[in-house]
Amino acid sequence: MKSLDLLRSLYSMAAVVEARDAYTGGHCWRVAQLSELVAIEMNLDERTRLRIGLAGFLHDLGKVGVPDAILNKTGKLTDDEYEVIKTHPSIAAEVLKHHPLGDLAINGALAHHERPDGKGYPNGLSEAQIHLDASIISVTDAFDAMTSYRPYRNGMGVDKALDILQQHSGSQFNSNVVEHFCSIDRHDIDAIVLHSDHHTPMQACPNCGPVVVVYKEMEQGDKTCCRNCGGEFSLFIEQGVRSLKPTGGVATPEQLQPTADHELISRLANRALPLLKKDLTWWQKLVGTAGSSS
């Protein structure tokens, strides 16, 4: 398999897993973007920034092993259900260790729910044992969860979410990461919060509330649907502002299937290629031909 295809396969797996949850559209993209902003603020090198961004996109890959009934539950999870949720980092690591490029993301995916105070999961690591990638993703994942809408609550404002990160700095979150996250230019954060791509604000279902998938490349009149209630919508664009208009129809089984944004994935994979080209010997072994960029 060609190198670019290998990168696309990683992004595609994560995107399809995310699409199973009607309320988390764009979460992978936002965590990846926010994680890269932190890496930039920390003055990390380009390859490290790209690796952290990739790991941020893949951090919830292990939710492929969480049943829909738990993943989409609108009420409070039982203790047993929460124990199932807590398996997703280990599942992600198991999937990634069998992928040729899995080592790039496995540290961030496995440990993004670990805590400096040792009360995290799955392994109860101490702060010194938690990989930098995971420490960054822990902060950006929590921030996005707080500022996004869920079936049981509205998203909170950016300022409140930043305050909560600071309140739990050093216990739940790495204090150095929190400090750098809170130093990011507010305009850069606002351009990511409640978006699913650059300049692409999320859309909510007019009927029942969850996120409706709207891709950046979609044009006036293109059809989409809510995977929660099954309503079909067409995209309406006026003066650059997007909204959804009910068609009166019901989504087809094909429309309701979890899908990946292939245009977004291609852009992300192309951007991540320097991750592979850094080590020329390994790169040649992977693609089979010297100097190939396919």
C-alpha atoms as a PDB file:
ATOM      1  CA  MET A   1       0.000   0.000   0.000  1.00  0.00           C
ATOM      2  CA  LYS A   2       1.318   3.474  -0.852  1.00  0.00           C
ATOM      3  CA  SER A   3       2.358   5.807   1.927  1.00  0.00           C
ATOM      4  CA  LEU A   4      -0.374   8.368   1.327  1.00  0.00           C
ATOM      5  CA  ASP A   5      -2.976   5.597   1.324  1.00  0.00           C
ATOM      6  CA  LEU A   6      -1.662   4.402   4.683  1.00  0.00           C
ATOM      7  CA  LEU A   7      -2.121   7.870   6.160  1.00  0.00           C
ATOM      8  CA  ARG A   8      -5.597   8.156   4.658  1.00  0.00           C
ATOM      9  CA  SER A   9      -6.553   4.805   6.163  1.00  0.00           C
ATOM     10  CA  LEU A  10      -5.659   6.067   9.645  1.00  0.00           C
ATOM     11  CA  TYR A  11      -7.703   9.242   9.283  1.00  0.00           C
ATOM     12  CA  SER A  12     -10.598   7.360   7.662  1.00  0.00           C
ATOM     13  CA  MET A  13     -10.860   4.818  10.478  1.00  0.00           C
ATOM     14  CA  ALA A  14     -11.114   7.580  13.075  1.00  0.00           C
ATOM     15  CA  ALA A  15     -13.615   9.600  11.032  1.00  0.00           C
ATOM     16  CA  VAL A  16     -15.973   6.662  10.524  1.00  0.00           C
ATOM     17  CA  VAL A  17     -15.853   5.778  14.232  1.00  0.00           C
ATOM     18  CA  GLU A  18     -16.689   9.392  15.110  1.00  0.00           C
ATOM     19  CA  ALA A  19     -19.624   9.406  12.666  1.00  0.00           C
ATOM     20  CA  ARG A  20     -21.382   6.780  14.792  1.00  0.00           C
ATOM     21  CA  ASP A  21     -22.064   9.457  17.429  1.00  0.00           C
ATOM     22  CA  ALA A  22     -24.658  12.004  16.334  1.00  0.00           C
ATOM     23  CA  TYR A  23     -23.373  14.636  18.773  1.00  0.00           C
ATOM     24  CA  THR A  24     -19.614  14.661  18.228  1.00  0.00           C
ATOM     25  CA  GLY A  25     -19.270  15.725  14.581  1.00  0.00           C
ATOM     26  CA  GLY A  26     -15.939  17.455  14.008  1.00  0.00           C
ATOM     27  CA  HIS A  27     -14.513  16.448  17.403  1.00  0.00           C
ATOM     28  CA  CYS A  28     -11.517  14.649  15.877  1.00  0.00           C
ATOM     29  CA  TRP A  29     -10.680  17.629  13.673  1.00  0.00           C
ATOM     30  CA  ARG A  30     -11.021  20.135  16.517  1.00  0.00           C
ATOM     31  CA  VAL A  31      -8.865  18.136  18.926  1.00  0.00           C
ATOM     32  CA  ALA A  32      -6.215  17.740  16.222  1.00  0.00           C
ATOM     33  CA  GLN A  33      -6.217  21.457  15.393  1.00  0.00           C
ATOM     34  CA  LEU A  34      -6.155  22.561  19.025  1.00  0.00           C
ATOM     35  CA  SER A  35      -3.377  20.082  19.801  1.00  0.00           C
ATOM     36  CA  GLU A  36      -1.241  21.490  17.003  1.00  0.00           C
ATOM     37  CA  LEU A  37      -1.832  25.020  18.311  1.00  0.00           C
ATOM     38  CA  VAL A  38      -0.541  23.921  21.711  1.00  0.00           C
ATOM     39  CA  ALA A  39       2.493  22.315  20.078  1.00  0.00           C
ATOM     40  CA  ILE A  40       3.195  25.550  18.203  1.00  0.00           C
ATOM     41  CA  GLU A  41       2.816  27.555  21.422  1.00  0.00           C
ATOM     42  CA  MET A  42       5.310  25.188  23.058  1.00  0.00           C
ATOM     43  CA  ASN A  43       7.726  25.820  20.181  1.00  0.00           C
ATOM     44  CA  LEU A  44       7.924  22.134  19.224  1.00  0.00           C
ATOM     45  CA  ASP A  45       9.424  21.183  15.873  1.00  0.00           C
ATOM     46  CA  GLU A  46       7.271  20.611  12.787  1.00  0.00           C
ATOM     47  CA  ARG A  47       7.449  16.836  12.838  1.00  0.00           C
ATOM     48  CA  THR A  48       6.384  16.715  16.477  1.00  0.00           C
ATOM     49  CA  ARG A  49       3.512  19.113  15.789  1.00  0.00           C
ATOM     50  CA  LEU A  50       2.292  16.977  12.889  1.00  0.00           C
ATOM     51  CA  ARG A  51       2.570  13.788  14.950  1.00  0.00           C
ATOM     52  CA  ILE A  52       0.565  15.330  17.785  1.00  0.00           C
ATOM     53  CA  GLY A  53      -2.065  16.532  15.321  1.00  0.00           C
ATOM     54  CA  LEU A  54      -2.369  13.035  13.860  1.00  0.00           C
ATOM     55  CA  ALA A  55      -2.646  11.486  17.317  1.00  0.00           C
ATOM     56  CA  GLY A  56      -5.275  14.079  18.218  1.00  0.00           C
ATOM     57  CA  PHE A  57      -7.387  13.051  15.232  1.00  0.00           C
ATOM     58  CA  LEU A  58      -7.050   9.371  16.147  1.00  0.00           C
ATOM     59  CA  HIS A  59      -7.410   9.610  19.939  1.00  0.00           C
ATOM     60  CA  ASP A  60     -10.963   8.183  20.056  1.00  0.00           C
ATOM     61  CA  LEU A  61     -10.362   5.411  17.534  1.00  0.00           C
ATOM     62  CA  GLY A  62     -10.930   2.819  20.257  1.00  0.00           C
ATOM     63  CA  LYS A  63     -14.602   3.766  20.528  1.00  0.00           C
ATOM     64  CA  VAL A  64     -15.066   1.355  17.639  1.00  0.00           C
ATOM     65  CA  GLY A  65     -15.333  -1.240  20.431  1.00  0.00           C
ATOM     66  CA  VAL A  66     -17.981   0.638  22.425  1.00  0.00           C
ATOM     67  CA  PRO A  67     -21.593  -0.454  21.715  1.00  0.00           C
ATOM     68  CA  ASP A  68     -23.904   2.138  20.141  1.00  0.00           C
ATOM     69  CA  ALA A  69     -26.289   1.864  23.090  1.00  0.00           C
ATOM     70  CA  ILE A  70     -23.557   3.224  25.371  1.00  0.00           C
ATOM     71  CA  LEU A  71     -21.911   5.587  22.901  1.00  0.00           C
ATOM     72  CA  ASN A  72     -25.206   7.339  22.100  1.00  0.00           C
ATOM     73  CA  LYS A  73     -26.863   7.149  25.516  1.00  0.00           C
ATOM     74  CA  THR A  74     -28.462  10.489  26.401  1.00  0.00           C
ATOM     75  CA  GLY A  75     -28.651   9.884  30.156  1.00  0.00           C
ATOM     76  CA  LYS A  76     -26.013   9.315  32.795  1.00  0.00           C
ATOM     77  CA  LEU A  77     -23.881   6.215  32.317  1.00  0.00           C
ATOM     78  CA  THR A  78     -24.051   3.434  34.877  1.00  0.00           C
ATOM     79  CA  ASP A  79     -20.835   2.344  36.570  1.00  0.00           C
ATOM     80  CA  ASP A  80     -20.693  -0.725  34.314  1.00  0.00           C
ATOM     81  CA  GLU A  81     -21.233   1.382  31.189  1.00  0.00           C
ATOM     82  CA  TYR A  82     -18.499   3.768  32.247  1.00  0.00           C
ATOM     83  CA  GLU A  83     -16.144   0.825  32.648  1.00  0.00           C
ATOM     84  CA  VAL A  84     -16.868  -0.063  29.012  1.00  0.00           C
ATOM     85  CA  ILE A  85     -16.118   3.509  27.914  1.00  0.00           C
ATOM     86  CA  LYS A  86     -12.812   3.321  29.785  1.00  0.00           C
ATOM     87  CA  THR A  87     -11.664   0.501  27.513  1.00  0.00           C
ATOM     88  CA  HIS A  88     -11.439   2.728  24.425  1.00  0.00           C
ATOM     89  CA  PRO A  89      -7.808   3.886  24.863  1.00  0.00           C
ATOM     90  CA  SER A  90      -6.602   0.282  25.123  1.00  0.00           C
ATOM     91  CA  ILE A  91      -8.696  -0.735  22.116  1.00  0.00           C
ATOM     92  CA  ALA A  92      -7.186   2.126  20.121  1.00  0.00           C
ATOM     93  CA  ALA A  93      -3.684   0.967  21.019  1.00  0.00           C
ATOM     94  CA  GLU A  94      -4.529  -2.581  19.998  1.00  0.00           C
ATOM     95  CA  VAL A  95      -5.780  -1.402  16.597  1.00  0.00           C
ATOM     96  CA  LEU A  96      -2.858   0.956  16.025  1.00  0.00           C
ATOM     97  CA  LYS A  97      -0.127  -1.543  16.895  1.00  0.00           C
ATOM     98  CA  HIS A  98      -1.196  -3.596  13.865  1.00  0.00           C
ATOM     99  CA  HIS A  99      -1.106  -0.632  11.448  1.00  0.00           C
ATOM    100  CA  PRO A 100       2.193   0.189   9.655  1.00  0.00           C
ATOM    101  CA  LEU A 101       1.985   3.810  10.829  1.00  0.00           C
ATOM    102  CA  GLY A 102       0.325   3.149  14.166  1.00  0.00           C
ATOM    103  CA  ASP A 103       3.420   4.049  16.185  1.00  0.00           C
ATOM    104  CA  LEU A 104       2.912   7.691  15.190  1.00  0.00           C
ATOM    105  CA  ALA A 105      -0.345   7.916  17.152  1.00  0.00           C
ATOM    106  CA  ILE A 106      -0.312   5.117  19.708  1.00  0.00           C
ATOM    107  CA  ASN A 107       1.177   7.147  22.597  1.00  0.00           C
ATOM    108  CA  GLY A 108      -1.430   9.876  22.335  1.00  0.00           C
ATOM    109  CA  ALA A 109      -4.350   7.488  21.879  1.00  0.00           C
ATOM    110  CA  LEU A 110      -3.434   5.125  24.715  1.00  0.00           C
ATOM    111  CA  ALA A 111      -2.758   7.687  27.449  1.00  0.00           C
ATOM    112  CA  HIS A 112      -5.017  10.683  26.716  1.00  0.00           C
ATOM    113  CA  HIS A 113      -7.174   9.874  29.763  1.00  0.00           C
ATOM    114  CA  GLU A 114      -4.234   9.496  32.141  1.00  0.00           C
ATOM    115  CA  ARG A 115      -3.802  12.220  34.791  1.00  0.00           C
ATOM    116  CA  PRO A 116      -0.802  13.791  36.532  1.00  0.00           C
ATOM    117  CA  ASP A 117      -2.258  12.782  39.917  1.00  0.00           C
ATOM    118  CA  GLY A 118      -2.318   9.115  38.883  1.00  0.00           C
ATOM    119  CA  LYS A 119      -6.123   8.825  38.904  1.00  0.00           C
ATOM    120  CA  GLY A 120      -6.518   8.413  35.152  1.00  0.00           C
ATOM    121  CA  TYR A 121      -7.034   5.336  32.995  1.00  0.00           C
ATOM    122  CA  PRO A 122      -6.303   2.779  31.647  1.00  0.00           C
ATOM    123  CA  ASN A 123      -3.029   2.379  33.570  1.00  0.00           C
ATOM    124  CA  GLY A 124      -3.067   4.995  36.344  1.00  0.00           C
ATOM    125  CA  LEU A 125       0.214   6.524  35.171  1.00  0.00           C
ATOM    126  CA  SER A 126       2.043   9.261  37.056  1.00  0.00           C
ATOM    127  CA  GLU A 127       2.809  12.598  35.419  1.00  0.00           C
ATOM    128  CA  ALA A 128       6.378  11.624  34.515  1.00  0.00           C
ATOM    129  CA  GLN A 129       5.112   8.472  32.768  1.00  0.00           C
ATOM    130  CA  ILE A 130       2.575  10.215  30.530  1.00  0.00           C
ATOM    131  CA  HIS A 131       3.786  10.882  27.000  1.00  0.00           C
ATOM    132  CA  LEU A 132       3.773  14.529  25.871  1.00  0.00           C
ATOM    133  CA  ASP A 133       1.359  13.748  23.027  1.00  0.00           C
ATOM    134  CA  ALA A 134      -1.163  12.349  25.500  1.00  0.00           C
ATOM    135  CA  SER A 135      -0.715  15.244  27.937  1.00  0.00           C
ATOM    136  CA  ILE A 136      -1.582  17.712  25.180  1.00  0.00           C
ATOM    137  CA  ILE A 137      -4.520  15.705  23.840  1.00  0.00           C
ATOM    138  CA  SER A 138      -5.912  15.308  27.356  1.00  0.00           C
ATOM    139  CA  VAL A 139      -6.275  19.087  27.616  1.00  0.00           C
ATOM    140  CA  THR A 140      -7.619  19.720  24.116  1.00  0.00           C
ATOM    141  CA  ASP A 141     -10.031  16.776  24.304  1.00  0.00           C
ATOM    142  CA  ALA A 142     -11.490  18.021  27.574  1.00  0.00           C
ATOM    143  CA  PHE A 143     -11.715  21.585  26.298  1.00  0.00           C
ATOM    144  CA  ASP A 144     -13.595  20.516  23.182  1.00  0.00           C
ATOM    145  CA  ALA A 145     -15.937  18.321  25.205  1.00  0.00           C
ATOM    146  CA  MET A 146     -16.765  21.266  27.461  1.00  0.00           C
ATOM    147  CA  THR A 147     -17.391  23.712  24.613  1.00  0.00           C
ATOM    148  CA  SER A 148     -19.407  21.294  22.453  1.00  0.00           C
ATOM    149  CA  TYR A 149     -23.090  20.430  22.700  1.00  0.00           C
ATOM    150  CA  ARG A 150     -24.191  17.098  24.121  1.00  0.00           C
ATOM    151  CA  PRO A 151     -27.659  15.518  24.401  1.00  0.00           C
ATOM    152  CA  TYR A 152     -27.661  16.190  28.160  1.00  0.00           C
ATOM    153  CA  ARG A 153     -26.280  19.774  28.169  1.00  0.00           C
ATOM    154  CA  ASN A 154     -25.351  22.808  26.098  1.00  0.00           C
ATOM    155  CA  GLY A 155     -21.730  23.644  25.426  1.00  0.00           C
ATOM    156  CA  MET A 156     -20.141  26.174  27.772  1.00  0.00           C
ATOM    157  CA  GLY A 157     -18.307  29.325  26.766  1.00  0.00           C
ATOM    158  CA  VAL A 158     -14.601  29.376  26.003  1.00  0.00           C
ATOM    159  CA  ASP A 159     -13.732  31.511  29.050  1.00  0.00           C
ATOM    160  CA  LYS A 160     -15.477  29.134  31.447  1.00  0.00           C
ATOM    161  CA  ALA A 161     -13.795  26.108  29.871  1.00  0.00           C
ATOM    162  CA  LEU A 162     -10.382  27.774  30.187  1.00  0.00           C
ATOM    163  CA  ASP A 163     -11.105  28.535  33.839  1.00  0.00           C
ATOM    164  CA  ILE A 164     -11.934  24.876  34.494  1.00  0.00           C
ATOM    165  CA  LEU A 165      -8.704  23.753  32.841  1.00  0.00           C
ATOM    166  CA  GLN A 166      -6.774  26.095  35.128  1.00  0.00           C
ATOM    167  CA  GLN A 167      -8.682  24.910  38.208  1.00  0.00           C
ATOM    168  CA  HIS A 168      -7.626  21.319  37.494  1.00  0.00           C
ATOM    169  CA  SER A 169      -4.114  22.151  36.311  1.00  0.00           C
ATOM    170  CA  GLY A 170      -1.576  19.864  37.953  1.00  0.00           C
ATOM    171  CA  SER A 171      -4.156  17.277  39.042  1.00  0.00           C
ATOM    172  CA  GLN A 172      -6.274  16.270  36.029  1.00  0.00           C
ATOM    173  CA  PHE A 173      -4.193  18.136  33.448  1.00  0.00           C
ATOM    174  CA  ASN A 174      -0.506  18.771  32.875  1.00  0.00           C
ATOM    175  CA  SER A 175       0.136  22.293  34.210  1.00  0.00           C
ATOM    176  CA  ASN A 176       2.678  23.187  31.524  1.00  0.00           C
ATOM    177  CA  VAL A 177       0.266  22.193  28.758  1.00  0.00           C
ATOM    178  CA  VAL A 178      -2.596  24.138  30.364  1.00  0.00           C
ATOM    179  CA  GLU A 179      -0.396  27.223  30.637  1.00  0.00           C
ATOM    180  CA  HIS A 180       0.511  27.087  26.956  1.00  0.00           C
ATOM    181  CA  PHE A 181      -3.053  26.309  25.898  1.00  0.00           C
ATOM    182  CA  CYS A 182      -4.351  29.356  27.762  1.00  0.00           C
ATOM    183  CA  SER A 183      -1.700  31.490  26.017  1.00  0.00           C
ATOM    184  CA  ILE A 184      -2.986  30.719  22.509  1.00  0.00           C
ATOM    185  CA  ASP A 185      -4.472  33.702  20.684  1.00  0.00           C
ATOM    186  CA  ARG A 186      -8.220  33.716  21.369  1.00  0.00           C
ATOM    187  CA  HIS A 187      -9.051  34.302  17.697  1.00  0.00           C
ATOM    188  CA  ASP A 188      -7.248  31.074  16.798  1.00  0.00           C
ATOM    189  CA  ILE A 189      -9.273  29.142  19.367  1.00  0.00           C
ATOM    190  CA  ASP A 190     -12.565  30.718  18.297  1.00  0.00           C
ATOM    191  CA  ALA A 191     -11.873  29.688  14.682  1.00  0.00           C
ATOM    192  CA  ILE A 192     -11.901  26.043  15.804  1.00  0.00           C
ATOM    193  CA  VAL A 193     -14.577  25.859  18.514  1.00  0.00           C
ATOM    194  CA  LEU A 194     -17.894  24.536  17.110  1.00  0.00           C
ATOM    195  CA  HIS A 195     -16.360  24.011  13.654  1.00  0.00           C
ATOM    196  CA  SER A 196     -15.841  20.773  11.720  1.00  0.00           C
ATOM    197  CA  ASP A 197     -13.274  22.197   9.277  1.00  0.00           C
ATOM    198  CA  HIS A 198     -11.651  25.527   8.493  1.00  0.00           C
ATOM    199  CA  HIS A 199     -14.374  28.176   8.010  1.00  0.00           C
ATOM    200  CA  THR A 200     -17.055  25.489   8.428  1.00  0.00           C
ATOM    201  CA  PRO A 201     -19.245  26.038  11.512  1.00  0.00           C
ATOM    202  CA  MET A 202     -21.175  22.987  12.709  1.00  0.00           C
ATOM    203  CA  GLN A 203     -24.867  22.705  11.940  1.00  0.00           C
ATOM    204  CA  ALA A 204     -27.505  21.399  14.340  1.00  0.00           C
ATOM    205  CA  CYS A 205     -30.558  19.397  13.346  1.00  0.00           C
ATOM    206  CA  PRO A 206     -33.573  21.781  13.346  1.00  0.00           C
ATOM    207  CA  ASN A 207     -35.757  18.863  14.457  1.00  0.00           C
ATOM    208  CA  CYS A 208     -33.900  17.202  17.320  1.00  0.00           C
ATOM    209  CA  GLY A 209     -30.622  18.993  17.996  1.00  0.00           C
ATOM    210  CA  PRO A 210     -27.620  16.769  17.156  1.00  0.00           C
ATOM    211  CA  VAL A 211     -24.858  17.771  14.785  1.00  0.00           C
ATOM    212  CA  VAL A 212     -25.630  17.297  11.102  1.00  0.00           C
ATOM    213  CA  VAL A 213     -22.703  16.483   8.855  1.00  0.00           C
ATOM    214  CA  VAL A 214     -21.901  19.400   6.531  1.00  0.00           C
ATOM    215  CA  TYR A 215     -18.610  19.216   4.673  1.00  0.00           C
ATOM    216  CA  LYS A 216     -16.585  22.244   3.642  1.00  0.00           C
ATOM    217  CA  GLU A 217     -16.891  21.342  -0.047  1.00  0.00           C
ATOM    218  CA  MET A 218     -20.698  21.094   0.005  1.00  0.00           C
ATOM    219  CA  GLU A 219     -22.566  23.603  -2.143  1.00  0.00           C
ATOM    220  CA  GLN A 220     -26.002  25.210  -2.245  1.00  0.00           C
ATOM    221  CA  GLY A 221     -28.729  22.575  -2.428  1.00  0.00           C
ATOM    222  CA  ASP A 222     -26.563  19.594  -1.532  1.00  0.00           C
ATOM    223  CA  LYS A 223     -28.375  17.049   0.623  1.00  0.00           C
ATOM    224  CA  THR A 224     -27.442  15.783   4.069  1.00  0.00           C
ATOM    225  CA  CYS A 225     -29.309  14.229   6.973  1.00  0.00           C
ATOM    226  CA  CYS A 226     -29.548  13.833  10.728  1.00  0.00           C
ATOM    227  CA  ARG A 227     -28.434  10.374  11.794  1.00  0.00           C
ATOM    228  CA  ASN A 228     -30.479  10.709  14.985  1.00  0.00           C
ATOM    229  CA  CYS A 229     -34.004  11.460  13.699  1.00  0.00           C
ATOM    230  CA  GLY A 230     -33.508  10.533  10.033  1.00  0.00           C
ATOM    231  CA  GLY A 231     -34.648  13.894   8.666  1.00  0.00           C
ATOM    232  CA  GLU A 232     -33.241  15.008   5.312  1.00  0.00           C
ATOM    233  CA  PHE A 233     -31.994  18.564   4.713  1.00  0.00           C
ATOM    234  CA  SER A 234     -30.584  20.659   1.926  1.00  0.00           C
ATOM    235  CA  LEU A 235     -27.790  23.141   2.428  1.00  0.00           C
ATOM    236  CA  PHE A 236     -28.773  26.809   2.100  1.00  0.00           C
ATOM    237  CA  ILE A 237     -26.071  29.465   1.783  1.00  0.00           C
ATOM    238  CA  GLU A 238     -26.832  33.180   2.004  1.00  0.00           C
ATOM    239  CA  GLN A 239     -24.070  35.801   2.150  1.00  0.00           C
ATOM    240  CA  GLY A 240     -21.628  33.102   3.114  1.00  0.00           C
ATOM    241  CA  VAL A 241     -23.720  31.874   6.063  1.00  0.00           C
ATOM    242  CA  ARG A 242     -24.776  28.232   5.941  1.00  0.00           C
ATOM    243  CA  SER A 243     -28.022  26.806   7.281  1.00  0.00           C
ATOM    244  CA  LEU A 244     -30.141  23.699   6.840  1.00  0.00           C
ATOM    245  CA  LYS A 245     -33.567  23.577   5.238  1.00  0.00           C
ATOM    246  CA  PRO A 246     -35.797  20.499   5.716  1.00  0.00           C
ATOM    247  CA  THR A 247     -36.658  18.796   2.430  1.00  0.00           C
ATOM    248  CA  GLY A 248     -39.648  17.034   3.952  1.00  0.00           C
ATOM    249  CA  GLY A 249     -38.035  13.758   3.038  1.00  0.00           C
ATOM    250  CA  VAL A 250     -36.552  10.940   5.071  1.00  0.00           C
ATOM    251  CA  ALA A 251     -32.932   9.916   4.785  1.00  0.00           C
ATOM    252  CA  THR A 252     -32.150   6.769   2.837  1.00  0.00           C
ATOM    253  CA  PRO A 253     -30.283   3.866   4.484  1.00  0.00           C
ATOM    254  CA  GLU A 254     -27.222   4.900   2.475  1.00  0.00           C
ATOM    255  CA  GLN A 255     -27.367   8.473   3.812  1.00  0.00           C
ATOM    256  CA  LEU A 256     -27.611   7.195   7.382  1.00  0.00           C
ATOM    257  CA  GLN A 257     -24.419   5.155   7.164  1.00  0.00           C
ATOM    258  CA  PRO A 258     -21.384   6.557   9.034  1.00  0.00           C
ATOM    259  CA  THR A 259     -19.094   8.131   6.447  1.00  0.00           C
ATOM    260  CA  ALA A 260     -15.776   9.973   6.340  1.00  0.00           C
ATOM    261  CA  ASP A 261     -15.092  13.382   4.810  1.00  0.00           C
ATOM    262  CA  HIS A 262     -12.708  12.181   2.108  1.00  0.00           C
ATOM    263  CA  GLU A 263     -11.736  15.674   0.941  1.00  0.00           C
ATOM    264  CA  LEU A 264     -10.735  16.634   4.488  1.00  0.00           C
ATOM    265  CA  ILE A 265      -8.879  13.360   4.945  1.00  0.00           C
ATOM    266  CA  SER A 266      -6.918  13.884   1.723  1.00  0.00           C
ATOM    267  CA  ARG A 267      -5.880  17.362   2.862  1.00  0.00           C
ATOM    268  CA  LEU A 268      -4.818  16.090   6.283  1.00  0.00           C
ATOM    269  CA  ALA A 269      -2.906  13.123   4.855  1.00  0.00           C
ATOM    270  CA  ASN A 270      -1.021  15.261   2.340  1.00  0.00           C
ATOM    271  CA  ARG A 271      -0.103  17.702   5.080  1.00  0.00           C
ATOM    272  CA  ALA A 272       1.149  14.870   7.306  1.00  0.00           C
ATOM    273  CA  LEU A 273       3.506  13.380   4.699  1.00  0.00           C
ATOM    274  CA  PRO A 274       6.617  14.991   6.286  1.00  0.00           C
ATOM    275  CA  LEU A 275       6.069  12.588   9.190  1.00  0.00           C
ATOM    276  CA  LEU A 276       7.158   9.797   6.881  1.00  0.00           C
ATOM    277  CA  LYS A 277       9.841  11.550   4.855  1.00  0.00           C
ATOM    278  CA  LYS A 278      11.890  12.606   7.872  1.00  0.00           C
ATOM    279  CA  ASP A 279      13.631   9.253   8.038  1.00  0.00           C
ATOM    280  CA  LEU A 280      14.612   8.607   4.429  1.00  0.00           C
ATOM    281  CA  THR A 281      15.777   5.016   5.020  1.00  0.00           C
ATOM    282  CA  TRP A 282      12.483   4.046   6.656  1.00  0.00           C
ATOM    283  CA  TRP A 283      10.588   5.997   4.010  1.00  0.00           C
ATOM    284  CA  GLN A 284      12.277   4.089   1.163  1.00  0.00           C
ATOM    285  CA  LYS A 285      11.577   0.790   2.860  1.00  0.00           C
ATOM    286  CA  LEU A 286       7.902   1.729   3.296  1.00  0.00           C
ATOM    287  CA  VAL A 287       7.137   2.843  -0.260  1.00  0.00           C
ATOM    288  CA  GLY A 288       9.608   0.560  -1.996  1.00  0.00           C
ATOM    289  CA  THR A 289      11.115   3.206  -4.256  1.00  0.00           C
ATOM    290  CA  ALA A 290      13.647   5.924  -3.417  1.00  0.00           C
ATOM    291  CA  GLY A 291      12.304   9.461  -3.471  1.00  0.00           C
ATOM    292  CA  SER A 292       8.671   8.459  -4.073  1.00  0.00           C
ATOM    293  CA  SER A 293       6.063  10.895  -2.740  1.00  0.00           C
ATOM    294  CA  SER A 294       2.984   8.885  -3.663  1.00  0.00           C
END
